[in-house]
Amino acid sequence: AGNVLLEVGRHRLEGSRLGEDLVERVPGRLVDLLQRGRLSLVERVHVGDVIGKLGDPRFDDDAFGLPREELLGFVEVPAGKFLMGSDEAEDPQSRHYEWPQHEVDLPQYWIGRYPVTVGQFRKFLEDNGTPTNSVDSRNGVSNHPVVLVTWDEAMAYGEWLTEKLRTWKMTPEPLATLLRERGRNSFRWRITLPTEPEWE
């Protein structure tokens, strides 16, 4: 059904009640298929591509393309200690820059549950009129992870999303409070790339 909609073209269906009903319902049904876990890997990839081209209902255009979830796809990582790096004796394939294994104590932080998508990054580019050197970062399937983004572009996206969520009236708690809380000289929280310890 999704392929038929793509072949016919959404614009040709949007004038009729039946057509608009199909455009609205089919992506939701395809998401249901994905979530039931009965498709093979190849089928899952194909269905995901079709949903991305039709308009993925798992993402909210009004929320800057973020996941349609209570906390917009962000999850809390509580403060705590963990062992970072590798032990050369236990992991002979480890590299010298991973040694020595050591304890790191991280404060609480939040991280995106999913990679930034092409659709989310496209919203940033369109909103800012920002050029990019990578056609793939703008023109890929909207629900695919964005690729070929420079460090500067990633940081600019984080700054843009921080400002959007800081000023948006619908930003859910506790994200709204965290992003609006001021420290000594500036805001205490912002959206950025994770540090090496946070990533690990």
C-alpha atoms as a PDB file:
ATOM      1  CA  ALA A   1       0.000   0.000   0.000  1.00  0.00           C
ATOM      2  CA  GLY A   2       2.849   2.356   0.813  1.00  0.00           C
ATOM      3  CA  ASN A   3       4.509   1.719  -2.534  1.00  0.00           C
ATOM      4  CA  VAL A   4       1.199   2.341  -4.326  1.00  0.00           C
ATOM      5  CA  LEU A   5       0.855   5.689  -2.549  1.00  0.00           C
ATOM      6  CA  LEU A   6       4.378   6.606  -3.576  1.00  0.00           C
ATOM      7  CA  GLU A   7       3.694   5.613  -7.185  1.00  0.00           C
ATOM      8  CA  VAL A   8       0.381   7.480  -7.385  1.00  0.00           C
ATOM      9  CA  GLY A   9       1.798  10.493  -5.588  1.00  0.00           C
ATOM     10  CA  ARG A  10       0.411  12.054  -2.426  1.00  0.00           C
ATOM     11  CA  HIS A  11      -0.503  15.286  -4.197  1.00  0.00           C
ATOM     12  CA  ARG A  12      -2.907  13.422  -6.504  1.00  0.00           C
ATOM     13  CA  LEU A  13      -4.736  11.841  -3.544  1.00  0.00           C
ATOM     14  CA  GLU A  14      -5.021  14.819  -1.235  1.00  0.00           C
ATOM     15  CA  GLY A  15      -8.110  16.286  -2.943  1.00  0.00           C
ATOM     16  CA  SER A  16     -10.444  13.402  -2.115  1.00  0.00           C
ATOM     17  CA  ARG A  17     -11.687  12.105   1.239  1.00  0.00           C
ATOM     18  CA  LEU A  18     -10.583   8.540   0.442  1.00  0.00           C
ATOM     19  CA  GLY A  19      -7.181   9.697  -0.767  1.00  0.00           C
ATOM     20  CA  GLU A  20      -6.545  11.816   2.313  1.00  0.00           C
ATOM     21  CA  ASP A  21      -7.667   8.923   4.517  1.00  0.00           C
ATOM     22  CA  LEU A  22      -5.152   6.614   2.811  1.00  0.00           C
ATOM     23  CA  VAL A  23      -2.323   9.166   3.058  1.00  0.00           C
ATOM     24  CA  GLU A  24      -3.046   9.497   6.772  1.00  0.00           C
ATOM     25  CA  ARG A  25      -3.617   5.819   7.672  1.00  0.00           C
ATOM     26  CA  VAL A  26      -1.068   3.872   5.619  1.00  0.00           C
ATOM     27  CA  PRO A  27       2.091   5.227   7.323  1.00  0.00           C
ATOM     28  CA  GLY A  28       0.555   4.403  10.729  1.00  0.00           C
ATOM     29  CA  ARG A  29      -0.221   0.860   9.618  1.00  0.00           C
ATOM     30  CA  LEU A  30       3.323   0.437   8.339  1.00  0.00           C
ATOM     31  CA  VAL A  31       4.686   1.607  11.712  1.00  0.00           C
ATOM     32  CA  ASP A  32       2.447  -1.002  13.380  1.00  0.00           C
ATOM     33  CA  LEU A  33       4.013  -3.660  11.151  1.00  0.00           C
ATOM     34  CA  LEU A  34       7.492  -2.564  12.203  1.00  0.00           C
ATOM     35  CA  GLN A  35       6.626  -2.577  15.893  1.00  0.00           C
ATOM     36  CA  ARG A  36       5.131  -6.064  15.867  1.00  0.00           C
ATOM     37  CA  GLY A  37       8.541  -7.513  15.007  1.00  0.00           C
ATOM     38  CA  ARG A  38       7.287 -10.061  12.483  1.00  0.00           C
ATOM     39  CA  LEU A  39       9.130  -8.703   9.451  1.00  0.00           C
ATOM     40  CA  SER A  40      12.491  -9.887   8.209  1.00  0.00           C
ATOM     41  CA  LEU A  41      15.392  -7.442   8.305  1.00  0.00           C
ATOM     42  CA  VAL A  42      15.071  -6.745   4.571  1.00  0.00           C
ATOM     43  CA  GLU A  43      11.335  -6.110   4.960  1.00  0.00           C
ATOM     44  CA  ARG A  44      11.944  -3.791   7.945  1.00  0.00           C
ATOM     45  CA  VAL A  45      14.430  -1.729   5.933  1.00  0.00           C
ATOM     46  CA  HIS A  46      12.049  -1.508   2.977  1.00  0.00           C
ATOM     47  CA  VAL A  47       9.068  -0.532   5.154  1.00  0.00           C
ATOM     48  CA  GLY A  48      11.198   2.078   6.974  1.00  0.00           C
ATOM     49  CA  ASP A  49      12.219   3.600   3.637  1.00  0.00           C
ATOM     50  CA  VAL A  50       8.602   3.761   2.443  1.00  0.00           C
ATOM     51  CA  ILE A  51       7.471   5.374   5.715  1.00  0.00           C
ATOM     52  CA  GLY A  52      10.294   7.906   5.424  1.00  0.00           C
ATOM     53  CA  LYS A  53       9.147   8.879   1.953  1.00  0.00           C
ATOM     54  CA  LEU A  54       5.436   9.037   2.885  1.00  0.00           C
ATOM     55  CA  GLY A  55       5.952  10.955   6.126  1.00  0.00           C
ATOM     56  CA  ASP A  56       6.909   9.094   9.273  1.00  0.00           C
ATOM     57  CA  PRO A  57       4.246   9.527  11.982  1.00  0.00           C
ATOM     58  CA  ARG A  58       6.841   8.688  14.662  1.00  0.00           C
ATOM     59  CA  PHE A  59       8.314  12.189  14.216  1.00  0.00           C
ATOM     60  CA  ASP A  60       6.560  15.464  15.004  1.00  0.00           C
ATOM     61  CA  ASP A  61       6.972  18.318  12.497  1.00  0.00           C
ATOM     62  CA  ASP A  62       5.677  20.797  15.086  1.00  0.00           C
ATOM     63  CA  ALA A  63       8.463  19.678  17.471  1.00  0.00           C
ATOM     64  CA  PHE A  64      11.296  20.357  14.994  1.00  0.00           C
ATOM     65  CA  GLY A  65      11.072  16.815  13.599  1.00  0.00           C
ATOM     66  CA  LEU A  66      11.930  15.224  16.960  1.00  0.00           C
ATOM     67  CA  PRO A  67      10.415  11.870  17.970  1.00  0.00           C
ATOM     68  CA  ARG A  68       6.744  11.933  18.907  1.00  0.00           C
ATOM     69  CA  GLU A  69       7.510  10.855  22.474  1.00  0.00           C
ATOM     70  CA  GLU A  70       6.876  12.396  25.881  1.00  0.00           C
ATOM     71  CA  LEU A  71      10.473  13.677  26.170  1.00  0.00           C
ATOM     72  CA  LEU A  72      11.069  14.177  22.416  1.00  0.00           C
ATOM     73  CA  GLY A  73      13.507  11.253  22.270  1.00  0.00           C
ATOM     74  CA  PHE A  74      15.771  12.424  25.097  1.00  0.00           C
ATOM     75  CA  VAL A  75      16.654  10.071  27.964  1.00  0.00           C
ATOM     76  CA  GLU A  76      18.276  10.819  31.300  1.00  0.00           C
ATOM     77  CA  VAL A  77      21.603   9.255  32.188  1.00  0.00           C
ATOM     78  CA  PRO A  78      21.887   9.518  35.975  1.00  0.00           C
ATOM     79  CA  ALA A  79      25.070  10.725  37.640  1.00  0.00           C
ATOM     80  CA  GLY A  80      27.462   7.953  38.536  1.00  0.00           C
ATOM     81  CA  LYS A  81      30.777   6.191  38.167  1.00  0.00           C
ATOM     82  CA  PHE A  82      31.824   3.742  35.475  1.00  0.00           C
ATOM     83  CA  LEU A  83      34.996   2.095  34.207  1.00  0.00           C
ATOM     84  CA  MET A  84      36.222   3.803  31.054  1.00  0.00           C
ATOM     85  CA  GLY A  85      38.750   2.370  28.645  1.00  0.00           C
ATOM     86  CA  SER A  86      40.201  -1.104  28.352  1.00  0.00           C
ATOM     87  CA  ASP A  87      42.407  -3.358  30.401  1.00  0.00           C
ATOM     88  CA  GLU A  88      45.299  -4.428  28.189  1.00  0.00           C
ATOM     89  CA  ALA A  89      45.565  -7.818  29.948  1.00  0.00           C
ATOM     90  CA  GLU A  90      41.857  -8.641  29.491  1.00  0.00           C
ATOM     91  CA  ASP A  91      41.446  -7.197  25.995  1.00  0.00           C
ATOM     92  CA  PRO A  92      44.471  -7.954  23.803  1.00  0.00           C
ATOM     93  CA  GLN A  93      42.790  -6.212  20.847  1.00  0.00           C
ATOM     94  CA  SER A  94      42.557  -2.907  22.712  1.00  0.00           C
ATOM     95  CA  ARG A  95      44.706   0.032  21.615  1.00  0.00           C
ATOM     96  CA  HIS A  96      47.203   2.016  23.669  1.00  0.00           C
ATOM     97  CA  TYR A  97      44.973   5.112  23.707  1.00  0.00           C
ATOM     98  CA  GLU A  98      42.306   3.075  25.557  1.00  0.00           C
ATOM     99  CA  TRP A  99      44.678   2.319  28.467  1.00  0.00           C
ATOM    100  CA  PRO A 100      44.661   2.310  31.358  1.00  0.00           C
ATOM    101  CA  GLN A 101      41.134   1.448  32.357  1.00  0.00           C
ATOM    102  CA  HIS A 102      40.069   4.029  34.915  1.00  0.00           C
ATOM    103  CA  GLU A 103      37.067   5.146  36.899  1.00  0.00           C
ATOM    104  CA  VAL A 104      35.170   8.216  35.705  1.00  0.00           C
ATOM    105  CA  ASP A 105      32.493  10.004  37.737  1.00  0.00           C
ATOM    106  CA  LEU A 106      29.989  11.749  35.462  1.00  0.00           C
ATOM    107  CA  PRO A 107      27.281  14.207  36.470  1.00  0.00           C
ATOM    108  CA  GLN A 108      23.711  13.635  35.283  1.00  0.00           C
ATOM    109  CA  TYR A 109      23.108  14.398  31.594  1.00  0.00           C
ATOM    110  CA  TRP A 110      20.542  13.730  28.900  1.00  0.00           C
ATOM    111  CA  ILE A 111      21.200  12.135  25.517  1.00  0.00           C
ATOM    112  CA  GLY A 112      19.163  11.564  22.373  1.00  0.00           C
ATOM    113  CA  ARG A 113      17.881   7.999  22.172  1.00  0.00           C
ATOM    114  CA  TYR A 114      18.140   8.062  18.360  1.00  0.00           C
ATOM    115  CA  PRO A 115      20.560   9.565  15.837  1.00  0.00           C
ATOM    116  CA  VAL A 116      19.639  12.940  14.339  1.00  0.00           C
ATOM    117  CA  THR A 117      17.648  12.282  11.174  1.00  0.00           C
ATOM    118  CA  VAL A 118      17.841  13.836   7.732  1.00  0.00           C
ATOM    119  CA  GLY A 119      14.412  15.392   8.380  1.00  0.00           C
ATOM    120  CA  GLN A 120      15.529  17.009  11.633  1.00  0.00           C
ATOM    121  CA  PHE A 121      18.734  18.343  10.101  1.00  0.00           C
ATOM    122  CA  ARG A 122      16.807  19.592   7.056  1.00  0.00           C
ATOM    123  CA  LYS A 123      14.543  21.650   9.353  1.00  0.00           C
ATOM    124  CA  PHE A 124      17.659  23.284  10.824  1.00  0.00           C
ATOM    125  CA  LEU A 125      19.075  24.058   7.367  1.00  0.00           C
ATOM    126  CA  GLU A 126      15.768  25.460   6.097  1.00  0.00           C
ATOM    127  CA  ASP A 127      15.172  27.542   9.217  1.00  0.00           C
ATOM    128  CA  ASN A 128      18.644  29.097   9.110  1.00  0.00           C
ATOM    129  CA  GLY A 129      19.128  29.190   5.365  1.00  0.00           C
ATOM    130  CA  THR A 130      22.405  27.472   6.188  1.00  0.00           C
ATOM    131  CA  PRO A 131      24.278  25.978   3.250  1.00  0.00           C
ATOM    132  CA  THR A 132      25.836  22.554   3.590  1.00  0.00           C
ATOM    133  CA  ASN A 133      28.525  20.880   1.535  1.00  0.00           C
ATOM    134  CA  SER A 134      26.704  17.554   1.655  1.00  0.00           C
ATOM    135  CA  VAL A 135      23.688  16.916  -0.559  1.00  0.00           C
ATOM    136  CA  ASP A 136      23.113  13.671   1.394  1.00  0.00           C
ATOM    137  CA  SER A 137      22.566  15.588   4.630  1.00  0.00           C
ATOM    138  CA  ARG A 138      19.648  17.456   3.068  1.00  0.00           C
ATOM    139  CA  ASN A 139      18.173  15.121   0.467  1.00  0.00           C
ATOM    140  CA  GLY A 140      18.258  11.643   2.031  1.00  0.00           C
ATOM    141  CA  VAL A 141      15.189   9.751   3.243  1.00  0.00           C
ATOM    142  CA  SER A 142      13.765  11.878   6.070  1.00  0.00           C
ATOM    143  CA  ASN A 143      13.798   9.183   8.782  1.00  0.00           C
ATOM    144  CA  HIS A 144      17.356   8.000   8.035  1.00  0.00           C
ATOM    145  CA  PRO A 145      20.274   9.183  10.187  1.00  0.00           C
ATOM    146  CA  VAL A 146      21.887  12.297   8.733  1.00  0.00           C
ATOM    147  CA  VAL A 147      25.327  11.609   7.213  1.00  0.00           C
ATOM    148  CA  LEU A 148      28.395  13.549   6.079  1.00  0.00           C
ATOM    149  CA  VAL A 149      27.820  16.361   8.571  1.00  0.00           C
ATOM    150  CA  THR A 150      30.894  18.278   9.703  1.00  0.00           C
ATOM    151  CA  TRP A 151      31.699  18.899  13.368  1.00  0.00           C
ATOM    152  CA  ASP A 152      30.845  22.586  12.887  1.00  0.00           C
ATOM    153  CA  GLU A 153      27.482  21.712  11.329  1.00  0.00           C
ATOM    154  CA  ALA A 154      26.689  19.299  14.180  1.00  0.00           C
ATOM    155  CA  MET A 155      27.533  21.957  16.766  1.00  0.00           C
ATOM    156  CA  ALA A 156      25.436  24.561  14.915  1.00  0.00           C
ATOM    157  CA  TYR A 157      22.495  22.127  14.825  1.00  0.00           C
ATOM    158  CA  GLY A 158      22.819  21.642  18.602  1.00  0.00           C
ATOM    159  CA  GLU A 159      22.859  25.402  19.206  1.00  0.00           C
ATOM    160  CA  TRP A 160      19.816  25.855  16.967  1.00  0.00           C
ATOM    161  CA  LEU A 161      17.845  23.062  18.675  1.00  0.00           C
ATOM    162  CA  THR A 162      18.840  24.363  22.120  1.00  0.00           C
ATOM    163  CA  GLU A 163      17.429  27.802  21.295  1.00  0.00           C
ATOM    164  CA  LYS A 164      14.267  26.310  19.739  1.00  0.00           C
ATOM    165  CA  LEU A 165      13.543  24.125  22.776  1.00  0.00           C
ATOM    166  CA  ARG A 166      14.544  26.857  25.237  1.00  0.00           C
ATOM    167  CA  THR A 167      11.933  29.254  23.807  1.00  0.00           C
ATOM    168  CA  TRP A 168       9.233  26.793  22.668  1.00  0.00           C
ATOM    169  CA  LYS A 169       6.189  26.821  24.955  1.00  0.00           C
ATOM    170  CA  MET A 170       5.596  23.091  24.421  1.00  0.00           C
ATOM    171  CA  THR A 171       9.030  21.852  25.566  1.00  0.00           C
ATOM    172  CA  PRO A 172       8.252  19.123  28.119  1.00  0.00           C
ATOM    173  CA  GLU A 173       9.498  19.076  31.672  1.00  0.00           C
ATOM    174  CA  PRO A 174      12.133  18.547  32.930  1.00  0.00           C
ATOM    175  CA  LEU A 175      13.819  19.514  29.634  1.00  0.00           C
ATOM    176  CA  ALA A 176      12.278  23.003  29.654  1.00  0.00           C
ATOM    177  CA  THR A 177      13.588  23.795  33.128  1.00  0.00           C
ATOM    178  CA  LEU A 178      17.029  22.343  32.435  1.00  0.00           C
ATOM    179  CA  LEU A 179      17.452  24.327  29.209  1.00  0.00           C
ATOM    180  CA  ARG A 180      16.192  27.582  30.762  1.00  0.00           C
ATOM    181  CA  GLU A 181      18.151  27.361  34.017  1.00  0.00           C
ATOM    182  CA  ARG A 182      20.909  29.913  34.272  1.00  0.00           C
ATOM    183  CA  GLY A 183      24.334  29.308  35.724  1.00  0.00           C
ATOM    184  CA  ARG A 184      26.838  31.957  36.769  1.00  0.00           C
ATOM    185  CA  ASN A 185      27.336  33.551  33.338  1.00  0.00           C
ATOM    186  CA  SER A 186      25.084  31.657  30.953  1.00  0.00           C
ATOM    187  CA  PHE A 187      22.558  28.875  30.595  1.00  0.00           C
ATOM    188  CA  ARG A 188      23.690  25.702  32.351  1.00  0.00           C
ATOM    189  CA  TRP A 189      22.356  23.144  29.857  1.00  0.00           C
ATOM    190  CA  ARG A 190      22.582  22.978  26.077  1.00  0.00           C
ATOM    191  CA  ILE A 191      22.293  20.419  23.318  1.00  0.00           C
ATOM    192  CA  THR A 192      25.674  19.404  21.966  1.00  0.00           C
ATOM    193  CA  LEU A 193      27.726  16.396  20.992  1.00  0.00           C
ATOM    194  CA  PRO A 194      28.464  13.985  23.846  1.00  0.00           C
ATOM    195  CA  THR A 195      31.934  13.983  25.361  1.00  0.00           C
ATOM    196  CA  GLU A 196      34.041  10.838  25.038  1.00  0.00           C
ATOM    197  CA  PRO A 197      33.119   9.657  28.572  1.00  0.00           C
ATOM    198  CA  GLU A 198      29.421  10.434  27.996  1.00  0.00           C
ATOM    199  CA  TRP A 199      29.445   8.503  24.725  1.00  0.00           C
ATOM    200  CA  GLU A 200      31.201   5.515  26.269  1.00  0.00           C
END
